[in-house]
C-alpha atoms as a PDB file:
ATOM      1  CA  MET A   1      -0.053  -0.048  -0.050  1.00  0.00           C
ATOM      2  CA  GLU A   2       3.082   2.310   0.548  1.00  0.00           C
ATOM      3  CA  LYS A   3       3.903   1.924  -3.012  1.00  0.00           C
ATOM      4  CA  ALA A   4       0.285   2.832  -4.024  1.00  0.00           C
ATOM      5  CA  GLU A   5       0.464   6.051  -1.673  1.00  0.00           C
ATOM      6  CA  ARG A   6       3.847   7.095  -3.258  1.00  0.00           C
ATOM      7  CA  TRP A   7       2.449   6.623  -6.775  1.00  0.00           C
ATOM      8  CA  LEU A   8      -0.678   8.714  -5.916  1.00  0.00           C
ATOM      9  CA  TYR A   9       1.645  11.573  -4.602  1.00  0.00           C
ATOM     10  CA  ASN A  10       3.836  11.544  -7.328  1.00  0.00           C
ATOM     11  CA  THR A  11       1.298  11.507 -10.008  1.00  0.00           C
ATOM     12  CA  LEU A  12      -1.542  13.627  -8.387  1.00  0.00           C
ATOM     13  CA  GLN A  13       0.267  15.306  -5.650  1.00  0.00           C
ATOM     14  CA  TYR A  14      -2.279  14.026  -3.090  1.00  0.00           C
ATOM     15  CA  LYS A  15      -2.054  12.285   0.222  1.00  0.00           C
ATOM     16  CA  PHE A  16      -5.149  10.729   1.843  1.00  0.00           C
ATOM     17  CA  ASN A  17      -5.950  11.497   5.338  1.00  0.00           C
ATOM     18  CA  ASP A  18      -7.751   8.238   5.518  1.00  0.00           C
ATOM     19  CA  VAL A  19      -5.674   5.682   3.672  1.00  0.00           C
ATOM     20  CA  GLY A  20      -8.426   3.120   4.115  1.00  0.00           C
ATOM     21  CA  LEU A  21     -10.495   5.115   1.529  1.00  0.00           C
ATOM     22  CA  PHE A  22      -7.610   4.949  -0.873  1.00  0.00           C
ATOM     23  CA  HIS A  23      -7.366   1.077  -0.492  1.00  0.00           C
ATOM     24  CA  ARG A  24     -11.008   0.760  -0.956  1.00  0.00           C
ATOM     25  CA  ALA A  25     -10.860   2.768  -4.165  1.00  0.00           C
ATOM     26  CA  LEU A  26      -8.334   0.338  -5.714  1.00  0.00           C
ATOM     27  CA  THR A  27     -10.059  -2.685  -4.549  1.00  0.00           C
ATOM     28  CA  HIS A  28     -12.272  -4.414  -7.331  1.00  0.00           C
ATOM     29  CA  ARG A  29     -15.307  -6.469  -6.387  1.00  0.00           C
ATOM     30  CA  SER A  30     -13.462  -9.662  -7.223  1.00  0.00           C
ATOM     31  CA  ALA A  31     -11.224  -9.249  -4.152  1.00  0.00           C
ATOM     32  CA  ILE A  32     -12.153 -10.143  -0.774  1.00  0.00           C
ATOM     33  CA  GLY A  33     -13.221  -7.374   1.598  1.00  0.00           C
ATOM     34  CA  ALA A  34     -14.876  -3.904   0.953  1.00  0.00           C
ATOM     35  CA  ASN A  35     -14.690  -2.982  -2.770  1.00  0.00           C
ATOM     36  CA  ASN A  36     -14.941   0.111  -4.627  1.00  0.00           C
ATOM     37  CA  GLU A  37     -18.402   0.141  -6.055  1.00  0.00           C
ATOM     38  CA  ARG A  38     -19.857   2.554  -3.748  1.00  0.00           C
ATOM     39  CA  LEU A  39     -17.096   5.062  -4.341  1.00  0.00           C
ATOM     40  CA  GLU A  40     -17.451   4.576  -7.970  1.00  0.00           C
ATOM     41  CA  PHE A  41     -20.877   5.574  -7.513  1.00  0.00           C
ATOM     42  CA  LEU A  42     -20.085   8.661  -5.715  1.00  0.00           C
ATOM     43  CA  GLY A  43     -17.026   9.369  -8.121  1.00  0.00           C
ATOM     44  CA  ASP A  44     -19.049   9.207 -11.007  1.00  0.00           C
ATOM     45  CA  ALA A  45     -21.552  11.988  -9.691  1.00  0.00           C
ATOM     46  CA  VAL A  46     -18.663  14.141  -8.767  1.00  0.00           C
ATOM     47  CA  LEU A  47     -16.746  13.716 -12.191  1.00  0.00           C
ATOM     48  CA  ASP A  48     -20.020  14.543 -14.020  1.00  0.00           C
ATOM     49  CA  LEU A  49     -20.250  17.820 -12.142  1.00  0.00           C
ATOM     50  CA  VAL A  50     -16.684  19.035 -12.528  1.00  0.00           C
ATOM     51  CA  ILE A  51     -16.521  18.113 -16.158  1.00  0.00           C
ATOM     52  CA  SER A  52     -19.874  19.686 -16.787  1.00  0.00           C
ATOM     53  CA  GLU A  53     -18.438  22.878 -15.259  1.00  0.00           C
ATOM     54  CA  ALA A  54     -15.238  22.699 -17.153  1.00  0.00           C
ATOM     55  CA  VAL A  55     -17.246  22.149 -20.517  1.00  0.00           C
ATOM     56  CA  PHE A  56     -19.578  24.859 -19.664  1.00  0.00           C
ATOM     57  CA  GLU A  57     -16.825  27.341 -19.074  1.00  0.00           C
ATOM     58  CA  ALA A  58     -14.753  26.245 -22.179  1.00  0.00           C
ATOM     59  CA  ARG A  59     -17.792  26.618 -24.618  1.00  0.00           C
ATOM     60  CA  PRO A  60     -19.707  29.649 -23.387  1.00  0.00           C
ATOM     61  CA  GLY A  61     -21.776  29.801 -26.734  1.00  0.00           C
ATOM     62  CA  ALA A  62     -22.611  25.933 -26.936  1.00  0.00           C
ATOM     63  CA  GLN A  63     -26.140  24.695 -26.649  1.00  0.00           C
ATOM     64  CA  GLU A  64     -27.192  21.974 -24.305  1.00  0.00           C
ATOM     65  CA  GLY A  65     -26.976  19.208 -26.856  1.00  0.00           C
ATOM     66  CA  ASP A  66     -23.504  19.967 -27.798  1.00  0.00           C
ATOM     67  CA  LEU A  67     -22.354  20.343 -24.228  1.00  0.00           C
ATOM     68  CA  SER A  68     -23.740  16.973 -23.419  1.00  0.00           C
ATOM     69  CA  LYS A  69     -21.867  15.448 -26.358  1.00  0.00           C
ATOM     70  CA  LEU A  70     -18.627  17.058 -25.152  1.00  0.00           C
ATOM     71  CA  ARG A  71     -19.141  15.873 -21.681  1.00  0.00           C
ATOM     72  CA  SER A  72     -20.055  12.278 -22.587  1.00  0.00           C
ATOM     73  CA  SER A  73     -16.810  12.021 -24.732  1.00  0.00           C
ATOM     74  CA  LEU A  74     -14.879  12.924 -21.751  1.00  0.00           C
ATOM     75  CA  VAL A  75     -16.555  10.717 -19.019  1.00  0.00           C
ATOM     76  CA  LYS A  76     -17.117   7.469 -21.144  1.00  0.00           C
ATOM     77  CA  ASP A  77     -15.420   4.397 -20.019  1.00  0.00           C
ATOM     78  CA  SER A  78     -12.991   4.298 -22.921  1.00  0.00           C
ATOM     79  CA  THR A  79     -11.749   7.853 -22.011  1.00  0.00           C
ATOM     80  CA  LEU A  80     -11.523   7.124 -18.324  1.00  0.00           C
ATOM     81  CA  ALA A  81      -9.644   3.888 -18.955  1.00  0.00           C
ATOM     82  CA  GLU A  82      -7.068   5.639 -21.320  1.00  0.00           C
ATOM     83  CA  LEU A  83      -6.492   8.231 -18.528  1.00  0.00           C
ATOM     84  CA  ALA A  84      -6.187   5.591 -15.798  1.00  0.00           C
ATOM     85  CA  SER A  85      -3.763   3.612 -17.998  1.00  0.00           C
ATOM     86  CA  ASP A  86      -1.792   6.576 -18.525  1.00  0.00           C
ATOM     87  CA  LEU A  87      -1.648   7.298 -14.735  1.00  0.00           C
ATOM     88  CA  GLY A  88      -0.573   3.710 -14.078  1.00  0.00           C
ATOM     89  CA  ILE A  89      -3.553   2.789 -11.879  1.00  0.00           C
ATOM     90  CA  GLY A  90      -3.451  -0.885 -13.281  1.00  0.00           C
ATOM     91  CA  ALA A  91      -0.294  -1.603 -11.205  1.00  0.00           C
ATOM     92  CA  TYR A  92      -1.875  -0.856  -7.863  1.00  0.00           C
ATOM     93  CA  LEU A  93      -5.387  -2.472  -8.317  1.00  0.00           C
ATOM     94  CA  VAL A  94      -6.351  -5.100  -5.873  1.00  0.00           C
ATOM     95  CA  LEU A  95      -7.970  -7.841  -7.766  1.00  0.00           C
ATOM     96  CA  GLY A  96      -9.278 -11.452  -7.008  1.00  0.00           C
ATOM     97  CA  SER A  97      -7.170 -14.352  -8.357  1.00  0.00           C
ATOM     98  CA  GLY A  98      -9.663 -14.960 -11.397  1.00  0.00           C
ATOM     99  CA  GLU A  99      -9.239 -11.271 -12.580  1.00  0.00           C
ATOM    100  CA  GLN A 100      -5.412 -11.253 -11.929  1.00  0.00           C
ATOM    101  CA  LYS A 101      -4.993 -14.201 -14.051  1.00  0.00           C
ATOM    102  CA  SER A 102      -7.280 -12.988 -16.841  1.00  0.00           C
ATOM    103  CA  GLY A 103      -5.411  -9.427 -16.969  1.00  0.00           C
ATOM    104  CA  GLY A 104      -8.044  -7.349 -15.140  1.00  0.00           C
ATOM    105  CA  HIS A 105      -5.473  -4.768 -14.413  1.00  0.00           C
ATOM    106  CA  ARG A 106      -5.791  -3.865 -18.159  1.00  0.00           C
ATOM    107  CA  ARG A 107      -9.726  -4.393 -18.477  1.00  0.00           C
ATOM    108  CA  GLU A 108     -11.211  -1.056 -19.628  1.00  0.00           C
ATOM    109  CA  SER A 109     -14.283  -1.108 -17.369  1.00  0.00           C
ATOM    110  CA  ILE A 110     -12.038  -2.050 -14.244  1.00  0.00           C
ATOM    111  CA  LEU A 111      -9.665   0.857 -14.929  1.00  0.00           C
ATOM    112  CA  ALA A 112     -12.510   3.359 -15.522  1.00  0.00           C
ATOM    113  CA  ASP A 113     -14.274   2.238 -12.370  1.00  0.00           C
ATOM    114  CA  ALA A 114     -11.115   2.554 -10.136  1.00  0.00           C
ATOM    115  CA  LEU A 115     -10.381   6.020 -11.500  1.00  0.00           C
ATOM    116  CA  GLU A 116     -13.894   7.143 -10.632  1.00  0.00           C
ATOM    117  CA  ALA A 117     -13.578   5.396  -7.250  1.00  0.00           C
ATOM    118  CA  ILE A 118     -10.473   7.466  -6.594  1.00  0.00           C
ATOM    119  CA  PHE A 119     -12.416  10.715  -7.413  1.00  0.00           C
ATOM    120  CA  GLY A 120     -14.954   9.640  -5.101  1.00  0.00           C
ATOM    121  CA  ALA A 121     -12.533   8.889  -2.242  1.00  0.00           C
ATOM    122  CA  VAL A 122     -10.752  12.210  -2.768  1.00  0.00           C
ATOM    123  CA  TYR A 123     -14.163  13.936  -2.435  1.00  0.00           C
ATOM    124  CA  LEU A 124     -14.941  12.119   0.947  1.00  0.00           C
ATOM    125  CA  ASP A 125     -11.393  12.717   2.189  1.00  0.00           C
ATOM    126  CA  SER A 126     -10.978  16.306   1.480  1.00  0.00           C
ATOM    127  CA  GLY A 127     -14.163  17.702  -0.144  1.00  0.00           C
ATOM    128  CA  ILE A 128     -15.284  18.969  -3.527  1.00  0.00           C
ATOM    129  CA  GLU A 129     -12.693  21.692  -4.253  1.00  0.00           C
ATOM    130  CA  THR A 130      -9.825  19.215  -3.731  1.00  0.00           C
ATOM    131  CA  ALA A 131     -11.723  16.715  -5.968  1.00  0.00           C
ATOM    132  CA  ARG A 132     -12.155  19.249  -8.597  1.00  0.00           C
ATOM    133  CA  GLN A 133      -8.727  20.230  -8.640  1.00  0.00           C
ATOM    134  CA  ILE A 134      -7.560  16.744  -9.074  1.00  0.00           C
ATOM    135  CA  ILE A 135     -10.052  15.844 -11.827  1.00  0.00           C
ATOM    136  CA  ARG A 136      -9.149  18.933 -13.723  1.00  0.00           C
ATOM    137  CA  SER A 137      -5.512  18.074 -13.540  1.00  0.00           C
ATOM    138  CA  VAL A 138      -6.253  14.656 -14.829  1.00  0.00           C
ATOM    139  CA  PHE A 139      -8.295  15.931 -17.685  1.00  0.00           C
ATOM    140  CA  GLU A 140      -6.032  19.101 -18.290  1.00  0.00           C
ATOM    141  CA  THR A 141      -4.914  18.121 -21.722  1.00  0.00           C
ATOM    142  CA  ARG A 142      -8.274  16.823 -22.982  1.00  0.00           C
ATOM    143  CA  LEU A 143     -10.033  19.956 -21.669  1.00  0.00           C
ATOM    144  CA  LYS A 144      -7.602  22.065 -23.695  1.00  0.00           C
ATOM    145  CA  GLU A 145      -8.157  19.998 -26.829  1.00  0.00           C
ATOM    146  CA  LEU A 146     -11.873  19.839 -26.813  1.00  0.00           C
ATOM    147  CA  PRO A 147     -12.990  19.008 -30.318  1.00  0.00           C
ATOM    148  CA  ASP A 148     -16.026  20.585 -32.039  1.00  0.00           C
ATOM    149  CA  ALA A 149     -19.185  19.004 -31.032  1.00  0.00           C
ATOM    150  CA  LYS A 150     -20.136  18.137 -34.606  1.00  0.00           C
ATOM    151  CA  ASP A 151     -17.000  15.949 -34.751  1.00  0.00           C
ATOM    152  CA  LEU A 152     -18.247  13.843 -31.921  1.00  0.00           C
ATOM    153  CA  ARG A 153     -21.046  12.231 -33.906  1.00  0.00           C
ATOM    154  CA  ASP A 154     -20.443   8.600 -34.211  1.00  0.00           C
ATOM    155  CA  PRO A 155     -19.429   7.187 -37.537  1.00  0.00           C
ATOM    156  CA  LYS A 156     -22.668   5.426 -38.455  1.00  0.00           C
ATOM    157  CA  THR A 157     -24.701   8.817 -37.977  1.00  0.00           C
ATOM    158  CA  ARG A 158     -22.150  10.662 -39.865  1.00  0.00           C
ATOM    159  CA  LEU A 159     -22.370   8.150 -42.681  1.00  0.00           C
ATOM    160  CA  GLN A 160     -26.274   8.109 -42.753  1.00  0.00           C
ATOM    161  CA  GLU A 161     -26.329  12.077 -42.828  1.00  0.00           C
ATOM    162  CA  TRP A 162     -23.659  12.070 -45.600  1.00  0.00           C
ATOM    163  CA  LEU A 163     -25.802   9.642 -47.835  1.00  0.00           C
ATOM    164  CA  GLN A 164     -29.078  11.311 -46.943  1.00  0.00           C
ATOM    165  CA  SER A 165     -27.854  14.801 -47.865  1.00  0.00           C
ATOM    166  CA  ARG A 166     -27.204  13.387 -51.344  1.00  0.00           C
ATOM    167  CA  GLY A 167     -30.435  11.537 -51.808  1.00  0.00           C
ATOM    168  CA  MET A 168     -28.647   8.209 -51.561  1.00  0.00           C
ATOM    169  CA  ALA A 169     -30.065   4.877 -49.885  1.00  0.00           C
ATOM    170  CA  LEU A 170     -29.109   4.299 -46.460  1.00  0.00           C
ATOM    171  CA  PRO A 171     -26.053   1.805 -45.866  1.00  0.00           C
ATOM    172  CA  ASP A 172     -26.636  -1.849 -45.470  1.00  0.00           C
ATOM    173  CA  TYR A 173     -24.863  -3.523 -42.500  1.00  0.00           C
ATOM    174  CA  GLN A 174     -24.501  -7.317 -42.474  1.00  0.00           C
ATOM    175  CA  LEU A 175     -22.985  -9.468 -39.805  1.00  0.00           C
ATOM    176  CA  ALA A 176     -20.163 -11.636 -41.825  1.00  0.00           C
ATOM    177  CA  ASN A 177     -18.654 -13.690 -39.063  1.00  0.00           C
ATOM    178  CA  VAL A 178     -18.724 -14.502 -35.360  1.00  0.00           C
ATOM    179  CA  THR A 179     -15.780 -16.193 -33.730  1.00  0.00           C
ATOM    180  CA  GLY A 180     -14.591 -17.055 -30.243  1.00  0.00           C
ATOM    181  CA  LYS A 181     -16.345 -18.441 -27.198  1.00  0.00           C
ATOM    182  CA  ALA A 182     -19.400 -16.659 -25.647  1.00  0.00           C
ATOM    183  CA  HIS A 183     -17.686 -14.412 -23.334  1.00  0.00           C
ATOM    184  CA  LYS A 184     -14.782 -13.633 -25.966  1.00  0.00           C
ATOM    185  CA  GLN A 185     -16.589 -13.246 -29.199  1.00  0.00           C
ATOM    186  CA  ARG A 186     -15.286 -11.336 -32.073  1.00  0.00           C
ATOM    187  CA  PHE A 187     -17.830  -9.919 -34.489  1.00  0.00           C
ATOM    188  CA  GLU A 188     -17.071  -9.091 -38.194  1.00  0.00           C
ATOM    189  CA  VAL A 189     -19.449  -6.805 -40.038  1.00  0.00           C
ATOM    190  CA  SER A 190     -19.626  -5.469 -43.461  1.00  0.00           C
ATOM    191  CA  CYS A 191     -21.079  -2.011 -44.648  1.00  0.00           C
ATOM    192  CA  SER A 192     -22.180  -1.621 -48.192  1.00  0.00           C
ATOM    193  CA  VAL A 193     -23.247   1.445 -49.883  1.00  0.00           C
ATOM    194  CA  ASP A 194     -24.897   2.003 -53.387  1.00  0.00           C
ATOM    195  CA  GLY A 195     -22.309   3.113 -55.969  1.00  0.00           C
ATOM    196  CA  VAL A 196     -19.414   1.728 -53.900  1.00  0.00           C
ATOM    197  CA  SER A 197     -18.108  -1.539 -55.459  1.00  0.00           C
ATOM    198  CA  GLU A 198     -16.570  -3.013 -52.312  1.00  0.00           C
ATOM    199  CA  PRO A 199     -18.161  -3.195 -48.898  1.00  0.00           C
ATOM    200  CA  THR A 200     -15.962  -2.066 -45.955  1.00  0.00           C
ATOM    201  CA  ARG A 201     -15.478  -4.254 -42.806  1.00  0.00           C
ATOM    202  CA  GLY A 202     -15.176  -3.768 -39.137  1.00  0.00           C
ATOM    203  CA  GLU A 203     -14.279  -6.301 -36.413  1.00  0.00           C
ATOM    204  CA  SER A 204     -14.601  -5.741 -32.756  1.00  0.00           C
ATOM    205  CA  THR A 205     -15.886  -7.427 -29.547  1.00  0.00           C
ATOM    206  CA  THR A 206     -19.532  -6.164 -30.025  1.00  0.00           C
ATOM    207  CA  ARG A 207     -21.446  -6.011 -33.243  1.00  0.00           C
ATOM    208  CA  ARG A 208     -22.204  -2.336 -32.385  1.00  0.00           C
ATOM    209  CA  LYS A 209     -18.517  -1.406 -32.488  1.00  0.00           C
ATOM    210  CA  ALA A 210     -17.832  -3.492 -35.600  1.00  0.00           C
ATOM    211  CA  GLU A 211     -20.615  -1.457 -37.424  1.00  0.00           C
ATOM    212  CA  GLN A 212     -19.149   1.704 -36.297  1.00  0.00           C
ATOM    213  CA  GLN A 213     -15.700   0.646 -37.518  1.00  0.00           C
ATOM    214  CA  ALA A 214     -17.168  -0.461 -40.900  1.00  0.00           C
ATOM    215  CA  ALA A 215     -18.985   2.872 -41.179  1.00  0.00           C
ATOM    216  CA  ALA A 216     -15.819   4.905 -40.433  1.00  0.00           C
ATOM    217  CA  ARG A 217     -13.903   2.941 -43.247  1.00  0.00           C
ATOM    218  CA  MET A 218     -16.803   3.588 -45.479  1.00  0.00           C
ATOM    219  CA  LEU A 219     -16.548   7.310 -44.795  1.00  0.00           C
ATOM    220  CA  GLU A 220     -12.834   7.207 -45.707  1.00  0.00           C
ATOM    221  CA  THR A 221     -13.677   5.286 -48.936  1.00  0.00           C
ATOM    222  CA  LEU A 222     -16.388   7.992 -49.804  1.00  0.00           C
ATOM    223  CA  ALA A 223     -13.854  10.774 -49.180  1.00  0.00           C
ATOM    224  CA  ASP A 224     -11.688   9.367 -51.914  1.00  0.00           C
ATOM    225  CA  VAL A 225     -14.453   8.883 -54.499  1.00  0.00           C
ATOM    226  CA  PRO A 226     -14.113  11.375 -57.294  1.00  0.00           C
ATOM    227  CA  LYS A 227     -16.988  14.084 -57.210  1.00  0.00           C
END
């Protein structure tokens, strides 16, 4: 635990008054004893508030819908997991033996939950102002590089809008292949568009993600089509 405390101070310049809160924030439900689920619940709410404030300040002229898209892009699991990985949280997680063997310290959902749990623990330990400072420091680069809200639309939506604006038929997505066991399946999806000779393909752990990947590749293909 001392190594984890040193890591926290070196990365976020914070030292817990109640070290037990910090230990709980790092403890996944697969481990024995109190886990971080309640702290993750609280940290999720604190994170939403702080990021909502930050986005509100950064985009004074933005409408509610655009603000919501920007906030969602920052607090979604994939973003939180990337930040947690960059911070090195995975090395200090307390996991059950099953999660340890299966690489739980790299699992997106576990990393994201642990980061939110730390935010919740800091809030309980030192209050909202300290939690705000730490969250803003973790998100500093991403807040400085906020994209335009219109660029946050997912590839399937952008592809549909591109086709509709030109009076073209909607894309056709087909499930091409499913491999792997039930808990580790891979989905391969094709995306076909009238006027494009070859469909594009996407592959991921869910059908939705595979479709988004195929749509993104179709948008790239369409960008290269002579006008």
